[in-house]
């Protein structure tokens, strides 16, 4: 059997921008990234600025459950 990852958990980050207001040729809808974080070091939900393809800009991505 393999080792457990311990305090590391996989999280999902979801875009918080309004992609309806900006007219682009890209697909509409919410965009999500997956990442991992250390549960002991960051117990709260994290926010990261990442690229959002539907909006074609950098936006704030918040952790969802």
PDB file of N, CA and C in Angstrom:
ATOM      1  N   UNK A   1       0.838  -1.190   0.000  1.00  0.00           N
ATOM      2  CA  UNK A   1       0.000   0.000   0.000  1.00  0.00           C
ATOM      3  C   UNK A   1       0.874   1.240   0.000  1.00  0.00           C
ATOM      4  N   UNK A   2       0.375   2.289  -0.642  1.00  0.00           N
ATOM      5  CA  UNK A   2       1.105   3.544  -0.720  1.00  0.00           C
ATOM      6  C   UNK A   2       0.923   4.372   0.539  1.00  0.00           C
ATOM      7  N   UNK A   3       1.761   5.365   0.659  1.00  0.00           N
ATOM      8  CA  UNK A   3       1.664   6.260   1.808  1.00  0.00           C
ATOM      9  C   UNK A   3       0.501   7.220   1.635  1.00  0.00           C
ATOM     10  N   UNK A   4      -0.086   7.639   2.743  1.00  0.00           N
ATOM     11  CA  UNK A   4      -1.137   8.651   2.668  1.00  0.00           C
ATOM     12  C   UNK A   4      -0.487  10.022   2.543  1.00  0.00           C
ATOM     13  N   UNK A   5      -1.212  10.957   1.989  1.00  0.00           N
ATOM     14  CA  UNK A   5      -0.655  12.290   1.769  1.00  0.00           C
ATOM     15  C   UNK A   5      -0.648  13.120   3.042  1.00  0.00           C
ATOM     16  N   UNK A   6      -1.301  12.671   4.096  1.00  0.00           N
ATOM     17  CA  UNK A   6      -1.284  13.396   5.354  1.00  0.00           C
ATOM     18  C   UNK A   6      -2.204  14.595   5.341  1.00  0.00           C
ATOM     19  N   UNK A   7      -1.638  15.785   5.532  1.00  0.00           N
ATOM     20  CA  UNK A   7      -2.430  17.001   5.652  1.00  0.00           C
ATOM     21  C   UNK A   7      -2.792  17.616   4.303  1.00  0.00           C
ATOM     22  N   UNK A   8      -2.259  17.081   3.207  1.00  0.00           N
ATOM     23  CA  UNK A   8      -2.546  17.636   1.879  1.00  0.00           C
ATOM     24  C   UNK A   8      -3.901  17.156   1.383  1.00  0.00           C
ATOM     25  N   UNK A   9      -4.713  18.111   0.914  1.00  0.00           N
ATOM     26  CA  UNK A   9      -6.029  17.788   0.370  1.00  0.00           C
ATOM     27  C   UNK A   9      -6.176  18.427  -1.005  1.00  0.00           C
ATOM     28  N   UNK A  10      -6.988  17.809  -1.847  1.00  0.00           N
ATOM     29  CA  UNK A  10      -7.271  18.356  -3.178  1.00  0.00           C
ATOM     30  C   UNK A  10      -8.446  19.310  -3.068  1.00  0.00           C
ATOM     31  N   UNK A  11      -8.293  20.504  -3.651  1.00  0.00           N
ATOM     32  CA  UNK A  11      -9.344  21.517  -3.591  1.00  0.00           C
ATOM     33  C   UNK A  11      -9.750  21.915  -5.002  1.00  0.00           C
ATOM     34  N   UNK A  12     -10.916  22.521  -5.116  1.00  0.00           N
ATOM     35  CA  UNK A  12     -11.416  23.032  -6.389  1.00  0.00           C
ATOM     36  C   UNK A  12     -11.538  24.543  -6.283  1.00  0.00           C
ATOM     37  N   UNK A  13     -11.000  25.249  -7.274  1.00  0.00           N
ATOM     38  CA  UNK A  13     -11.076  26.708  -7.326  1.00  0.00           C
ATOM     39  C   UNK A  13     -12.038  27.099  -8.433  1.00  0.00           C
ATOM     40  N   UNK A  14     -12.976  27.995  -8.127  1.00  0.00           N
ATOM     41  CA  UNK A  14     -13.985  28.414  -9.099  1.00  0.00           C
ATOM     42  C   UNK A  14     -13.892  29.909  -9.341  1.00  0.00           C
ATOM     43  N   UNK A  15     -14.098  30.316 -10.590  1.00  0.00           N
ATOM     44  CA  UNK A  15     -14.023  31.717 -10.987  1.00  0.00           C
ATOM     45  C   UNK A  15     -15.165  32.509 -10.350  1.00  0.00           C
ATOM     46  N   UNK A  16     -14.870  33.730  -9.919  1.00  0.00           N
ATOM     47  CA  UNK A  16     -15.864  34.584  -9.282  1.00  0.00           C
ATOM     48  C   UNK A  16     -16.188  35.817 -10.123  1.00  0.00           C
ATOM     49  N   UNK A  17     -15.814  35.813 -11.390  1.00  0.00           N
ATOM     50  CA  UNK A  17     -16.024  36.998 -12.233  1.00  0.00           C
ATOM     51  C   UNK A  17     -17.348  36.915 -12.985  1.00  0.00           C
ATOM     52  N   UNK A  18     -17.780  38.040 -13.518  1.00  0.00           N
ATOM     53  CA  UNK A  18     -18.997  38.107 -14.318  1.00  0.00           C
ATOM     54  C   UNK A  18     -18.610  38.026 -15.782  1.00  0.00           C
ATOM     55  N   UNK A  19     -18.746  36.852 -16.378  1.00  0.00           N
ATOM     56  CA  UNK A  19     -18.337  36.697 -17.766  1.00  0.00           C
ATOM     57  C   UNK A  19     -19.487  36.977 -18.724  1.00  0.00           C
ATOM     58  N   UNK A  20     -20.623  37.437 -18.236  1.00  0.00           N
ATOM     59  CA  UNK A  20     -21.753  37.782 -19.096  1.00  0.00           C
ATOM     60  C   UNK A  20     -21.581  39.196 -19.659  1.00  0.00           C
ATOM     61  N   UNK A  21     -20.974  40.100 -18.874  1.00  0.00           N
ATOM     62  CA  UNK A  21     -20.900  41.502 -19.269  1.00  0.00           C
ATOM     63  C   UNK A  21     -19.882  41.766 -20.381  1.00  0.00           C
ATOM     64  N   UNK A  22     -18.880  40.906 -20.527  1.00  0.00           N
ATOM     65  CA  UNK A  22     -17.840  41.128 -21.526  1.00  0.00           C
ATOM     66  C   UNK A  22     -18.113  40.284 -22.764  1.00  0.00           C
ATOM     67  N   UNK A  23     -18.388  40.898 -23.896  1.00  0.00           N
ATOM     68  CA  UNK A  23     -18.660  40.101 -25.106  1.00  0.00           C
ATOM     69  C   UNK A  23     -17.368  39.563 -25.718  1.00  0.00           C
ATOM     70  N   UNK A  24     -17.201  38.259 -25.693  1.00  0.00           N
ATOM     71  CA  UNK A  24     -16.063  37.605 -26.325  1.00  0.00           C
ATOM     72  C   UNK A  24     -16.561  36.410 -27.116  1.00  0.00           C
ATOM     73  N   UNK A  25     -15.696  35.865 -27.932  1.00  0.00           N
ATOM     74  CA  UNK A  25     -16.071  34.700 -28.724  1.00  0.00           C
ATOM     75  C   UNK A  25     -15.859  33.405 -27.949  1.00  0.00           C
ATOM     76  N   UNK A  26     -15.437  33.526 -26.709  1.00  0.00           N
ATOM     77  CA  UNK A  26     -15.170  32.344 -25.903  1.00  0.00           C
ATOM     78  C   UNK A  26     -16.451  31.804 -25.281  1.00  0.00           C
ATOM     79  N   UNK A  27     -16.349  30.586 -24.775  1.00  0.00           N
ATOM     80  CA  UNK A  27     -17.491  29.905 -24.200  1.00  0.00           C
ATOM     81  C   UNK A  27     -17.915  30.536 -22.875  1.00  0.00           C
ATOM     82  N   UNK A  28     -19.204  30.666 -22.636  1.00  0.00           N
ATOM     83  CA  UNK A  28     -19.711  31.210 -21.386  1.00  0.00           C
ATOM     84  C   UNK A  28     -19.824  30.084 -20.358  1.00  0.00           C
ATOM     85  N   UNK A  29     -19.823  30.462 -19.095  1.00  0.00           N
ATOM     86  CA  UNK A  29     -19.957  29.486 -18.024  1.00  0.00           C
ATOM     87  C   UNK A  29     -18.868  29.656 -16.987  1.00  0.00           C
ATOM     88  N   UNK A  30     -18.937  28.884 -15.928  1.00  0.00           N
ATOM     89  CA  UNK A  30     -17.940  28.972 -14.878  1.00  0.00           C
ATOM     90  C   UNK A  30     -16.756  28.078 -15.218  1.00  0.00           C
ATOM     91  N   UNK A  31     -15.596  28.503 -14.808  1.00  0.00           N
ATOM     92  CA  UNK A  31     -14.371  27.765 -15.071  1.00  0.00           C
ATOM     93  C   UNK A  31     -13.775  27.349 -13.739  1.00  0.00           C
ATOM     94  N   UNK A  32     -13.209  26.152 -13.675  1.00  0.00           N
ATOM     95  CA  UNK A  32     -12.663  25.629 -12.425  1.00  0.00           C
ATOM     96  C   UNK A  32     -11.257  25.085 -12.617  1.00  0.00           C
ATOM     97  N   UNK A  33     -10.429  25.292 -11.584  1.00  0.00           N
ATOM     98  CA  UNK A  33      -9.105  24.696 -11.500  1.00  0.00           C
ATOM     99  C   UNK A  33      -9.100  23.740 -10.319  1.00  0.00           C
ATOM    100  N   UNK A  34      -8.222  22.749 -10.335  1.00  0.00           N
ATOM    101  CA  UNK A  34      -7.997  21.910  -9.173  1.00  0.00           C
ATOM    102  C   UNK A  34      -6.575  22.113  -8.706  1.00  0.00           C
ATOM    103  N   UNK A  35      -6.379  22.067  -7.404  1.00  0.00           N
ATOM    104  CA  UNK A  35      -5.081  22.275  -6.814  1.00  0.00           C
ATOM    105  C   UNK A  35      -5.042  21.511  -5.501  1.00  0.00           C
ATOM    106  N   UNK A  36      -3.961  21.630  -4.770  1.00  0.00           N
ATOM    107  CA  UNK A  36      -3.875  21.006  -3.453  1.00  0.00           C
ATOM    108  C   UNK A  36      -3.335  22.028  -2.471  1.00  0.00           C
ATOM    109  N   UNK A  37      -3.704  21.829  -1.210  1.00  0.00           N
ATOM    110  CA  UNK A  37      -3.221  22.730  -0.165  1.00  0.00           C
ATOM    111  C   UNK A  37      -2.950  21.928   1.089  1.00  0.00           C
ATOM    112  N   UNK A  38      -2.150  22.491   1.975  1.00  0.00           N
ATOM    113  CA  UNK A  38      -1.861  21.878   3.251  1.00  0.00           C
ATOM    114  C   UNK A  38      -2.923  22.329   4.248  1.00  0.00           C
ATOM    115  N   UNK A  39      -3.661  21.395   4.779  1.00  0.00           N
ATOM    116  CA  UNK A  39      -4.771  21.702   5.684  1.00  0.00           C
ATOM    117  C   UNK A  39      -4.286  22.342   6.985  1.00  0.00           C
ATOM    118  N   UNK A  40      -3.089  21.989   7.433  1.00  0.00           N
ATOM    119  CA  UNK A  40      -2.570  22.542   8.696  1.00  0.00           C
ATOM    120  C   UNK A  40      -2.107  23.987   8.542  1.00  0.00           C
ATOM    121  N   UNK A  41      -1.445  24.310   7.426  1.00  0.00           N
ATOM    122  CA  UNK A  41      -0.919  25.663   7.233  1.00  0.00           C
ATOM    123  C   UNK A  41      -1.999  26.659   6.839  1.00  0.00           C
ATOM    124  N   UNK A  42      -2.971  26.239   6.027  1.00  0.00           N
ATOM    125  CA  UNK A  42      -4.038  27.128   5.565  1.00  0.00           C
ATOM    126  C   UNK A  42      -5.400  26.487   5.825  1.00  0.00           C
ATOM    127  N   UNK A  43      -5.927  26.625   7.046  1.00  0.00           N
ATOM    128  CA  UNK A  43      -7.220  26.000   7.352  1.00  0.00           C
ATOM    129  C   UNK A  43      -8.399  26.725   6.702  1.00  0.00           C
ATOM    130  N   UNK A  44      -8.243  28.012   6.395  1.00  0.00           N
ATOM    131  CA  UNK A  44      -9.323  28.781   5.777  1.00  0.00           C
ATOM    132  C   UNK A  44      -9.352  28.536   4.273  1.00  0.00           C
ATOM    133  N   UNK A  45     -10.431  28.983   3.640  1.00  0.00           N
ATOM    134  CA  UNK A  45     -10.543  28.868   2.189  1.00  0.00           C
ATOM    135  C   UNK A  45      -9.601  29.869   1.533  1.00  0.00           C
ATOM    136  N   UNK A  46      -8.948  29.444   0.460  1.00  0.00           N
ATOM    137  CA  UNK A  46      -7.962  30.308  -0.182  1.00  0.00           C
ATOM    138  C   UNK A  46      -8.556  30.979  -1.422  1.00  0.00           C
ATOM    139  N   UNK A  47      -7.937  32.100  -1.791  1.00  0.00           N
ATOM    140  CA  UNK A  47      -8.291  32.842  -3.001  1.00  0.00           C
ATOM    141  C   UNK A  47      -7.008  33.065  -3.793  1.00  0.00           C
ATOM    142  N   UNK A  48      -7.040  32.738  -5.071  1.00  0.00           N
ATOM    143  CA  UNK A  48      -5.887  32.920  -5.947  1.00  0.00           C
ATOM    144  C   UNK A  48      -6.303  33.667  -7.198  1.00  0.00           C
ATOM    145  N   UNK A  49      -5.379  34.447  -7.751  1.00  0.00           N
ATOM    146  CA  UNK A  49      -5.640  35.105  -9.033  1.00  0.00           C
ATOM    147  C   UNK A  49      -5.077  34.214 -10.117  1.00  0.00           C
ATOM    148  N   UNK A  50      -5.958  33.746 -11.008  1.00  0.00           N
ATOM    149  CA  UNK A  50      -5.572  32.872 -12.094  1.00  0.00           C
ATOM    150  C   UNK A  50      -6.254  33.335 -13.374  1.00  0.00           C
ATOM    151  N   UNK A  51      -5.839  32.767 -14.492  1.00  0.00           N
ATOM    152  CA  UNK A  51      -6.407  33.150 -15.775  1.00  0.00           C
ATOM    153  C   UNK A  51      -7.745  32.454 -15.986  1.00  0.00           C
ATOM    154  N   UNK A  52      -8.753  33.234 -16.408  1.00  0.00           N
ATOM    155  CA  UNK A  52     -10.091  32.716 -16.669  1.00  0.00           C
ATOM    156  C   UNK A  52     -10.319  32.744 -18.181  1.00  0.00           C
ATOM    157  N   UNK A  53     -10.347  31.583 -18.851  1.00  0.00           N
ATOM    158  CA  UNK A  53     -10.537  31.557 -20.296  1.00  0.00           C
ATOM    159  C   UNK A  53     -11.865  32.141 -20.781  1.00  0.00           C
ATOM    160  N   UNK A  54     -13.008  31.926 -20.111  1.00  0.00           N
ATOM    161  CA  UNK A  54     -14.246  32.539 -20.611  1.00  0.00           C
ATOM    162  C   UNK A  54     -14.207  34.069 -20.596  1.00  0.00           C
ATOM    163  N   UNK A  55     -13.530  34.649 -19.602  1.00  0.00           N
ATOM    164  CA  UNK A  55     -13.444  36.112 -19.499  1.00  0.00           C
ATOM    165  C   UNK A  55     -12.232  36.671 -20.237  1.00  0.00           C
ATOM    166  N   UNK A  56     -11.273  35.827 -20.525  1.00  0.00           N
ATOM    167  CA  UNK A  56     -10.038  36.226 -21.194  1.00  0.00           C
ATOM    168  C   UNK A  56      -9.266  37.250 -20.369  1.00  0.00           C
ATOM    169  N   UNK A  57      -9.235  37.047 -19.055  1.00  0.00           N
ATOM    170  CA  UNK A  57      -8.486  37.938 -18.168  1.00  0.00           C
ATOM    171  C   UNK A  57      -8.126  37.173 -16.892  1.00  0.00           C
ATOM    172  N   UNK A  58      -7.298  37.797 -16.053  1.00  0.00           N
ATOM    173  CA  UNK A  58      -6.978  37.220 -14.756  1.00  0.00           C
ATOM    174  C   UNK A  58      -8.065  37.608 -13.775  1.00  0.00           C
ATOM    175  N   UNK A  59      -8.557  36.649 -13.007  1.00  0.00           N
ATOM    176  CA  UNK A  59      -9.659  36.883 -12.083  1.00  0.00           C
ATOM    177  C   UNK A  59      -9.382  36.149 -10.775  1.00  0.00           C
ATOM    178  N   UNK A  60     -10.155  36.465  -9.754  1.00  0.00           N
ATOM    179  CA  UNK A  60     -10.046  35.824  -8.468  1.00  0.00           C
ATOM    180  C   UNK A  60     -10.776  34.489  -8.472  1.00  0.00           C
ATOM    181  N   UNK A  61     -10.091  33.457  -8.074  1.00  0.00           N
ATOM    182  CA  UNK A  61     -10.682  32.140  -7.958  1.00  0.00           C
ATOM    183  C   UNK A  61     -10.751  31.785  -6.488  1.00  0.00           C
ATOM    184  N   UNK A  62     -11.937  31.377  -6.023  1.00  0.00           N
ATOM    185  CA  UNK A  62     -12.137  31.032  -4.626  1.00  0.00           C
ATOM    186  C   UNK A  62     -12.337  29.529  -4.480  1.00  0.00           C
ATOM    187  N   UNK A  63     -11.912  29.026  -3.337  1.00  0.00           N
ATOM    188  CA  UNK A  63     -12.061  27.599  -3.061  1.00  0.00           C
ATOM    189  C   UNK A  63     -13.518  27.265  -2.785  1.00  0.00           C
ATOM    190  N   UNK A  64     -13.995  26.186  -3.408  1.00  0.00           N
ATOM    191  CA  UNK A  64     -15.345  25.720  -3.150  1.00  0.00           C
ATOM    192  C   UNK A  64     -15.247  24.330  -2.529  1.00  0.00           C
ATOM    193  N   UNK A  65     -16.313  23.893  -1.903  1.00  0.00           N
ATOM    194  CA  UNK A  65     -16.276  22.585  -1.253  1.00  0.00           C
ATOM    195  C   UNK A  65     -16.569  21.470  -2.210  1.00  0.00           C
TER     196      UNK A  65
END
